[in-house]
């Protein structure tokens, strides 16, 4: 009985986030050719805001390419 309760409690606890999930999402963005707005991209990179017209992080290149409404639009590519 105690084992069943401990198992049930363990399943209620939040699981650790997958540390590669954001990188896999960025890979998909590259494959699809999607443009992300600043508010979509910054949290994926663990940043509060994005500056400059181009920067590299985690093996990806992020290039400001225009606007998505009131925000900047960013193209995501792979470093060579």
PDB file of N, CA and C in Angstrom:
ATOM      1  N   UNK A   1       0.826  -1.197   0.000  1.00  0.00           N
ATOM      2  CA  UNK A   1       0.000   0.000   0.000  1.00  0.00           C
ATOM      3  C   UNK A   1       0.870   1.261   0.000  1.00  0.00           C
ATOM      4  N   UNK A   2       1.893   1.280   0.856  1.00  0.00           N
ATOM      5  CA  UNK A   2       2.775   2.443   0.928  1.00  0.00           C
ATOM      6  C   UNK A   2       3.476   2.650  -0.409  1.00  0.00           C
ATOM      7  N   UNK A   3       3.899   1.557  -1.054  1.00  0.00           N
ATOM      8  CA  UNK A   3       4.550   1.667  -2.356  1.00  0.00           C
ATOM      9  C   UNK A   3       3.641   2.282  -3.407  1.00  0.00           C
ATOM     10  N   UNK A   4       2.375   1.921  -3.368  1.00  0.00           N
ATOM     11  CA  UNK A   4       1.410   2.477  -4.319  1.00  0.00           C
ATOM     12  C   UNK A   4       1.240   3.974  -4.077  1.00  0.00           C
ATOM     13  N   UNK A   5       1.157   4.373  -2.813  1.00  0.00           N
ATOM     14  CA  UNK A   5       1.009   5.800  -2.489  1.00  0.00           C
ATOM     15  C   UNK A   5       2.245   6.596  -2.896  1.00  0.00           C
ATOM     16  N   UNK A   6       3.427   6.041  -2.648  1.00  0.00           N
ATOM     17  CA  UNK A   6       4.658   6.730  -3.038  1.00  0.00           C
ATOM     18  C   UNK A   6       4.740   6.867  -4.551  1.00  0.00           C
ATOM     19  N   UNK A   7       4.331   5.844  -5.268  1.00  0.00           N
ATOM     20  CA  UNK A   7       4.322   5.911  -6.732  1.00  0.00           C
ATOM     21  C   UNK A   7       3.367   6.978  -7.232  1.00  0.00           C
ATOM     22  N   UNK A   8       2.197   7.052  -6.604  1.00  0.00           N
ATOM     23  CA  UNK A   8       1.205   8.056  -6.999  1.00  0.00           C
ATOM     24  C   UNK A   8       1.719   9.463  -6.707  1.00  0.00           C
ATOM     25  N   UNK A   9       2.367   9.642  -5.565  1.00  0.00           N
ATOM     26  CA  UNK A   9       2.923  10.955  -5.222  1.00  0.00           C
ATOM     27  C   UNK A   9       4.039  11.345  -6.185  1.00  0.00           C
ATOM     28  N   UNK A  10       4.866  10.389  -6.551  1.00  0.00           N
ATOM     29  CA  UNK A  10       5.967  10.675  -7.476  1.00  0.00           C
ATOM     30  C   UNK A  10       5.428  11.111  -8.830  1.00  0.00           C
ATOM     31  N   UNK A  11       4.310  10.524  -9.258  1.00  0.00           N
ATOM     32  CA  UNK A  11       3.754  10.895 -10.554  1.00  0.00           C
ATOM     33  C   UNK A  11       3.148  12.292 -10.529  1.00  0.00           C
ATOM     34  N   UNK A  12       2.808  12.807  -9.359  1.00  0.00           N
ATOM     35  CA  UNK A  12       2.243  14.154  -9.245  1.00  0.00           C
ATOM     36  C   UNK A  12       3.317  15.236  -9.242  1.00  0.00           C
ATOM     37  N   UNK A  13       4.539  14.853  -8.919  1.00  0.00           N
ATOM     38  CA  UNK A  13       5.632  15.819  -8.852  1.00  0.00           C
ATOM     39  C   UNK A  13       6.007  16.259 -10.267  1.00  0.00           C
ATOM     40  N   UNK A  14       6.301  17.547 -10.458  1.00  0.00           N
ATOM     41  CA  UNK A  14       6.702  17.992 -11.799  1.00  0.00           C
ATOM     42  C   UNK A  14       7.994  17.320 -12.222  1.00  0.00           C
ATOM     43  N   UNK A  15       8.073  16.963 -13.479  1.00  0.00           N
ATOM     44  CA  UNK A  15       9.281  16.329 -13.989  1.00  0.00           C
ATOM     45  C   UNK A  15      10.275  17.399 -14.429  1.00  0.00           C
ATOM     46  N   UNK A  16      11.520  17.010 -14.488  1.00  0.00           N
ATOM     47  CA  UNK A  16      12.562  17.925 -14.944  1.00  0.00           C
ATOM     48  C   UNK A  16      12.313  18.267 -16.413  1.00  0.00           C
ATOM     49  N   UNK A  17      12.458  19.527 -16.781  1.00  0.00           N
ATOM     50  CA  UNK A  17      12.304  19.867 -18.202  1.00  0.00           C
ATOM     51  C   UNK A  17      13.449  19.256 -19.009  1.00  0.00           C
ATOM     52  N   UNK A  18      13.152  18.887 -20.230  1.00  0.00           N
ATOM     53  CA  UNK A  18      14.155  18.315 -21.122  1.00  0.00           C
ATOM     54  C   UNK A  18      15.117  19.425 -21.540  1.00  0.00           C
ATOM     55  N   UNK A  19      16.404  19.313 -21.195  1.00  0.00           N
ATOM     56  CA  UNK A  19      17.345  20.393 -21.519  1.00  0.00           C
ATOM     57  C   UNK A  19      17.581  20.557 -23.022  1.00  0.00           C
ATOM     58  N   UNK A  20      17.227  19.559 -23.812  1.00  0.00           N
ATOM     59  CA  UNK A  20      17.427  19.647 -25.261  1.00  0.00           C
ATOM     60  C   UNK A  20      16.162  20.065 -26.010  1.00  0.00           C
ATOM     61  N   UNK A  21      15.052  20.208 -25.322  1.00  0.00           N
ATOM     62  CA  UNK A  21      13.779  20.514 -25.982  1.00  0.00           C
ATOM     63  C   UNK A  21      13.855  21.807 -26.794  1.00  0.00           C
ATOM     64  N   UNK A  22      14.460  22.847 -26.240  1.00  0.00           N
ATOM     65  CA  UNK A  22      14.543  24.118 -26.970  1.00  0.00           C
ATOM     66  C   UNK A  22      15.430  23.998 -28.201  1.00  0.00           C
ATOM     67  N   UNK A  23      16.508  23.229 -28.095  1.00  0.00           N
ATOM     68  CA  UNK A  23      17.387  23.042 -29.245  1.00  0.00           C
ATOM     69  C   UNK A  23      16.675  22.248 -30.346  1.00  0.00           C
ATOM     70  N   UNK A  24      15.901  21.252 -29.953  1.00  0.00           N
ATOM     71  CA  UNK A  24      15.141  20.483 -30.935  1.00  0.00           C
ATOM     72  C   UNK A  24      14.093  21.354 -31.610  1.00  0.00           C
ATOM     73  N   UNK A  25      13.491  22.251 -30.852  1.00  0.00           N
ATOM     74  CA  UNK A  25      12.521  23.177 -31.427  1.00  0.00           C
ATOM     75  C   UNK A  25      13.202  24.119 -32.420  1.00  0.00           C
ATOM     76  N   UNK A  26      14.393  24.608 -32.077  1.00  0.00           N
ATOM     77  CA  UNK A  26      15.128  25.476 -32.995  1.00  0.00           C
ATOM     78  C   UNK A  26      15.509  24.725 -34.269  1.00  0.00           C
ATOM     79  N   UNK A  27      15.862  23.448 -34.157  1.00  0.00           N
ATOM     80  CA  UNK A  27      16.142  22.623 -35.343  1.00  0.00           C
ATOM     81  C   UNK A  27      14.921  22.570 -36.253  1.00  0.00           C
ATOM     82  N   UNK A  28      13.754  22.413 -35.657  1.00  0.00           N
ATOM     83  CA  UNK A  28      12.505  22.371 -36.443  1.00  0.00           C
ATOM     84  C   UNK A  28      12.235  23.713 -37.121  1.00  0.00           C
ATOM     85  N   UNK A  29      12.501  24.798 -36.413  1.00  0.00           N
ATOM     86  CA  UNK A  29      12.326  26.136 -36.987  1.00  0.00           C
ATOM     87  C   UNK A  29      13.221  26.292 -38.216  1.00  0.00           C
ATOM     88  N   UNK A  30      14.472  25.819 -38.115  1.00  0.00           N
ATOM     89  CA  UNK A  30      15.400  25.874 -39.251  1.00  0.00           C
ATOM     90  C   UNK A  30      14.850  25.053 -40.412  1.00  0.00           C
ATOM     91  N   UNK A  31      14.425  23.832 -40.132  1.00  0.00           N
ATOM     92  CA  UNK A  31      13.910  22.941 -41.181  1.00  0.00           C
ATOM     93  C   UNK A  31      12.705  23.536 -41.903  1.00  0.00           C
ATOM     94  N   UNK A  32      11.802  24.153 -41.158  1.00  0.00           N
ATOM     95  CA  UNK A  32      10.563  24.693 -41.722  1.00  0.00           C
ATOM     96  C   UNK A  32      10.742  26.084 -42.329  1.00  0.00           C
ATOM     97  N   UNK A  33      11.841  26.764 -41.961  1.00  0.00           N
ATOM     98  CA  UNK A  33      12.061  28.112 -42.469  1.00  0.00           C
ATOM     99  C   UNK A  33      11.169  29.164 -41.827  1.00  0.00           C
ATOM    100  N   UNK A  34      10.682  28.861 -40.639  1.00  0.00           N
ATOM    101  CA  UNK A  34       9.804  29.798 -39.944  1.00  0.00           C
ATOM    102  C   UNK A  34      10.580  31.010 -39.449  1.00  0.00           C
ATOM    103  N   UNK A  35       9.918  32.153 -39.382  1.00  0.00           N
ATOM    104  CA  UNK A  35      10.463  33.366 -38.766  1.00  0.00           C
ATOM    105  C   UNK A  35       9.822  33.498 -37.391  1.00  0.00           C
ATOM    106  N   UNK A  36      10.628  33.742 -36.383  1.00  0.00           N
ATOM    107  CA  UNK A  36      10.119  33.904 -35.025  1.00  0.00           C
ATOM    108  C   UNK A  36      10.179  35.357 -34.607  1.00  0.00           C
ATOM    109  N   UNK A  37       9.205  35.782 -33.837  1.00  0.00           N
ATOM    110  CA  UNK A  37       9.238  37.130 -33.276  1.00  0.00           C
ATOM    111  C   UNK A  37      10.164  37.131 -32.064  1.00  0.00           C
ATOM    112  N   UNK A  38      10.557  38.310 -31.648  1.00  0.00           N
ATOM    113  CA  UNK A  38      11.437  38.441 -30.484  1.00  0.00           C
ATOM    114  C   UNK A  38      10.831  37.768 -29.261  1.00  0.00           C
ATOM    115  N   UNK A  39       9.526  37.951 -29.047  1.00  0.00           N
ATOM    116  CA  UNK A  39       8.887  37.363 -27.856  1.00  0.00           C
ATOM    117  C   UNK A  39       8.809  35.840 -27.931  1.00  0.00           C
ATOM    118  N   UNK A  40       8.897  35.270 -29.112  1.00  0.00           N
ATOM    119  CA  UNK A  40       8.939  33.812 -29.235  1.00  0.00           C
ATOM    120  C   UNK A  40      10.361  33.289 -29.064  1.00  0.00           C
ATOM    121  N   UNK A  41      11.327  34.003 -29.610  1.00  0.00           N
ATOM    122  CA  UNK A  41      12.702  33.521 -29.632  1.00  0.00           C
ATOM    123  C   UNK A  41      13.451  33.729 -28.314  1.00  0.00           C
ATOM    124  N   UNK A  42      13.307  34.895 -27.711  1.00  0.00           N
ATOM    125  CA  UNK A  42      14.075  35.210 -26.502  1.00  0.00           C
ATOM    126  C   UNK A  42      13.921  34.156 -25.400  1.00  0.00           C
ATOM    127  N   UNK A  43      12.706  33.720 -25.067  1.00  0.00           N
ATOM    128  CA  UNK A  43      12.584  32.710 -24.010  1.00  0.00           C
ATOM    129  C   UNK A  43      13.229  31.368 -24.381  1.00  0.00           C
ATOM    130  N   UNK A  44      13.221  31.012 -25.664  1.00  0.00           N
ATOM    131  CA  UNK A  44      13.868  29.766 -26.087  1.00  0.00           C
ATOM    132  C   UNK A  44      15.359  29.792 -25.808  1.00  0.00           C
ATOM    133  N   UNK A  45      15.929  30.990 -25.835  1.00  0.00           N
ATOM    134  CA  UNK A  45      17.362  31.154 -25.618  1.00  0.00           C
ATOM    135  C   UNK A  45      17.691  31.521 -24.174  1.00  0.00           C
ATOM    136  N   UNK A  46      16.673  31.668 -23.344  1.00  0.00           N
ATOM    137  CA  UNK A  46      16.893  32.049 -21.954  1.00  0.00           C
ATOM    138  C   UNK A  46      17.284  33.505 -21.798  1.00  0.00           C
ATOM    139  N   UNK A  47      16.833  34.348 -22.738  1.00  0.00           N
ATOM    140  CA  UNK A  47      17.156  35.772 -22.716  1.00  0.00           C
ATOM    141  C   UNK A  47      15.899  36.594 -22.484  1.00  0.00           C
ATOM    142  N   UNK A  48      16.091  37.807 -21.967  1.00  0.00           N
ATOM    143  CA  UNK A  48      14.955  38.707 -21.767  1.00  0.00           C
ATOM    144  C   UNK A  48      14.667  39.520 -23.015  1.00  0.00           C
ATOM    145  N   UNK A  49      15.705  39.840 -23.775  1.00  0.00           N
ATOM    146  CA  UNK A  49      15.535  40.606 -25.007  1.00  0.00           C
ATOM    147  C   UNK A  49      16.662  40.219 -25.972  1.00  0.00           C
ATOM    148  N   UNK A  50      16.516  40.650 -27.209  1.00  0.00           N
ATOM    149  CA  UNK A  50      17.510  40.356 -28.238  1.00  0.00           C
ATOM    150  C   UNK A  50      18.026  41.666 -28.806  1.00  0.00           C
ATOM    151  N   UNK A  51      19.341  41.761 -28.989  1.00  0.00           N
ATOM    152  CA  UNK A  51      19.959  42.994 -29.478  1.00  0.00           C
ATOM    153  C   UNK A  51      20.814  42.701 -30.698  1.00  0.00           C
ATOM    154  N   UNK A  52      21.010  43.711 -31.504  1.00  0.00           N
ATOM    155  CA  UNK A  52      21.848  43.559 -32.684  1.00  0.00           C
ATOM    156  C   UNK A  52      21.065  43.025 -33.864  1.00  0.00           C
ATOM    157  N   UNK A  53      21.751  42.890 -34.984  1.00  0.00           N
ATOM    158  CA  UNK A  53      21.084  42.395 -36.185  1.00  0.00           C
ATOM    159  C   UNK A  53      21.404  40.924 -36.443  1.00  0.00           C
ATOM    160  N   UNK A  54      22.446  40.398 -35.779  1.00  0.00           N
ATOM    161  CA  UNK A  54      22.789  38.994 -35.930  1.00  0.00           C
ATOM    162  C   UNK A  54      23.632  38.555 -34.739  1.00  0.00           C
ATOM    163  N   UNK A  55      23.395  37.341 -34.283  1.00  0.00           N
ATOM    164  CA  UNK A  55      24.216  36.767 -33.224  1.00  0.00           C
ATOM    165  C   UNK A  55      24.152  35.252 -33.307  1.00  0.00           C
ATOM    166  N   UNK A  56      25.102  34.600 -32.656  1.00  0.00           N
ATOM    167  CA  UNK A  56      25.188  33.141 -32.646  1.00  0.00           C
ATOM    168  C   UNK A  56      25.059  32.642 -31.210  1.00  0.00           C
ATOM    169  N   UNK A  57      24.418  31.494 -31.085  1.00  0.00           N
ATOM    170  CA  UNK A  57      24.266  30.870 -29.765  1.00  0.00           C
ATOM    171  C   UNK A  57      23.894  29.406 -29.974  1.00  0.00           C
ATOM    172  N   UNK A  58      24.523  28.517 -29.231  1.00  0.00           N
ATOM    173  CA  UNK A  58      24.210  27.086 -29.247  1.00  0.00           C
ATOM    174  C   UNK A  58      24.329  26.456 -30.640  1.00  0.00           C
ATOM    175  N   UNK A  59      25.169  26.996 -31.496  1.00  0.00           N
ATOM    176  CA  UNK A  59      25.340  26.437 -32.832  1.00  0.00           C
ATOM    177  C   UNK A  59      24.352  26.954 -33.860  1.00  0.00           C
ATOM    178  N   UNK A  60      23.553  27.926 -33.491  1.00  0.00           N
ATOM    179  CA  UNK A  60      22.577  28.531 -34.394  1.00  0.00           C
ATOM    180  C   UNK A  60      22.956  29.983 -34.650  1.00  0.00           C
ATOM    181  N   UNK A  61      22.532  30.492 -35.796  1.00  0.00           N
ATOM    182  CA  UNK A  61      22.723  31.897 -36.152  1.00  0.00           C
ATOM    183  C   UNK A  61      21.339  32.535 -36.207  1.00  0.00           C
ATOM    184  N   UNK A  62      21.188  33.662 -35.546  1.00  0.00           N
ATOM    185  CA  UNK A  62      19.915  34.370 -35.475  1.00  0.00           C
ATOM    186  C   UNK A  62      20.080  35.718 -36.175  1.00  0.00           C
ATOM    187  N   UNK A  63      19.280  35.949 -37.206  1.00  0.00           N
ATOM    188  CA  UNK A  63      19.401  37.148 -38.020  1.00  0.00           C
ATOM    189  C   UNK A  63      18.080  37.901 -38.031  1.00  0.00           C
ATOM    190  N   UNK A  64      18.136  39.184 -37.673  1.00  0.00           N
ATOM    191  CA  UNK A  64      16.937  40.036 -37.715  1.00  0.00           C
ATOM    192  C   UNK A  64      16.633  40.317 -39.188  1.00  0.00           C
ATOM    193  N   UNK A  65      15.413  39.983 -39.622  1.00  0.00           N
ATOM    194  CA  UNK A  65      15.084  40.095 -41.049  1.00  0.00           C
ATOM    195  C   UNK A  65      13.899  40.998 -41.343  1.00  0.00           C
ATOM    196  N   UNK A  66      13.361  41.652 -40.372  1.00  0.00           N
ATOM    197  CA  UNK A  66      12.217  42.530 -40.621  1.00  0.00           C
ATOM    198  C   UNK A  66      11.317  42.584 -39.402  1.00  0.00           C
ATOM    199  N   UNK A  67      10.022  42.677 -39.681  1.00  0.00           N
ATOM    200  CA  UNK A  67       9.059  42.842 -38.596  1.00  0.00           C
ATOM    201  C   UNK A  67       7.993  41.754 -38.646  1.00  0.00           C
ATOM    202  N   UNK A  68       7.537  41.350 -37.475  1.00  0.00           N
ATOM    203  CA  UNK A  68       6.337  40.539 -37.283  1.00  0.00           C
ATOM    204  C   UNK A  68       5.403  41.418 -36.464  1.00  0.00           C
ATOM    205  N   UNK A  69       4.586  42.201 -37.140  1.00  0.00           N
ATOM    206  CA  UNK A  69       3.746  43.162 -36.422  1.00  0.00           C
ATOM    207  C   UNK A  69       4.614  44.218 -35.772  1.00  0.00           C
ATOM    208  N   UNK A  70       4.465  44.379 -34.470  1.00  0.00           N
ATOM    209  CA  UNK A  70       5.226  45.391 -33.736  1.00  0.00           C
ATOM    210  C   UNK A  70       6.609  44.895 -33.308  1.00  0.00           C
ATOM    211  N   UNK A  71       6.894  43.626 -33.540  1.00  0.00           N
ATOM    212  CA  UNK A  71       8.155  43.043 -33.088  1.00  0.00           C
ATOM    213  C   UNK A  71       9.089  42.737 -34.253  1.00  0.00           C
ATOM    214  N   UNK A  72      10.347  42.548 -33.925  1.00  0.00           N
ATOM    215  CA  UNK A  72      11.310  42.116 -34.928  1.00  0.00           C
ATOM    216  C   UNK A  72      11.060  40.658 -35.278  1.00  0.00           C
ATOM    217  N   UNK A  73      11.340  40.305 -36.543  1.00  0.00           N
ATOM    218  CA  UNK A  73      11.274  38.916 -37.003  1.00  0.00           C
ATOM    219  C   UNK A  73      12.699  38.400 -37.127  1.00  0.00           C
ATOM    220  N   UNK A  74      12.912  37.137 -36.740  1.00  0.00           N
ATOM    221  CA  UNK A  74      14.241  36.538 -36.723  1.00  0.00           C
ATOM    222  C   UNK A  74      14.253  35.261 -37.550  1.00  0.00           C
ATOM    223  N   UNK A  75      15.252  35.147 -38.414  1.00  0.00           N
ATOM    224  CA  UNK A  75      15.502  33.912 -39.154  1.00  0.00           C
ATOM    225  C   UNK A  75      16.524  33.110 -38.350  1.00  0.00           C
ATOM    226  N   UNK A  76      16.298  31.817 -38.258  1.00  0.00           N
ATOM    227  CA  UNK A  76      17.200  30.943 -37.520  1.00  0.00           C
ATOM    228  C   UNK A  76      17.917  30.053 -38.532  1.00  0.00           C
ATOM    229  N   UNK A  77      19.237  30.012 -38.443  1.00  0.00           N
ATOM    230  CA  UNK A  77      20.045  29.156 -39.298  1.00  0.00           C
ATOM    231  C   UNK A  77      21.045  28.400 -38.452  1.00  0.00           C
ATOM    232  N   UNK A  78      21.831  27.577 -39.107  1.00  0.00           N
ATOM    233  CA  UNK A  78      22.850  26.796 -38.417  1.00  0.00           C
ATOM    234  C   UNK A  78      24.218  27.418 -38.674  1.00  0.00           C
ATOM    235  N   UNK A  79      25.084  27.402 -37.660  1.00  0.00           N
ATOM    236  CA  UNK A  79      26.458  27.848 -37.846  1.00  0.00           C
ATOM    237  C   UNK A  79      27.162  26.871 -38.763  1.00  0.00           C
ATOM    238  N   UNK A  80      28.089  27.393 -39.556  1.00  0.00           N
ATOM    239  CA  UNK A  80      28.836  26.528 -40.481  1.00  0.00           C
ATOM    240  C   UNK A  80      30.164  26.168 -39.917  1.00  0.00           C
TER     241      UNK A  80
END
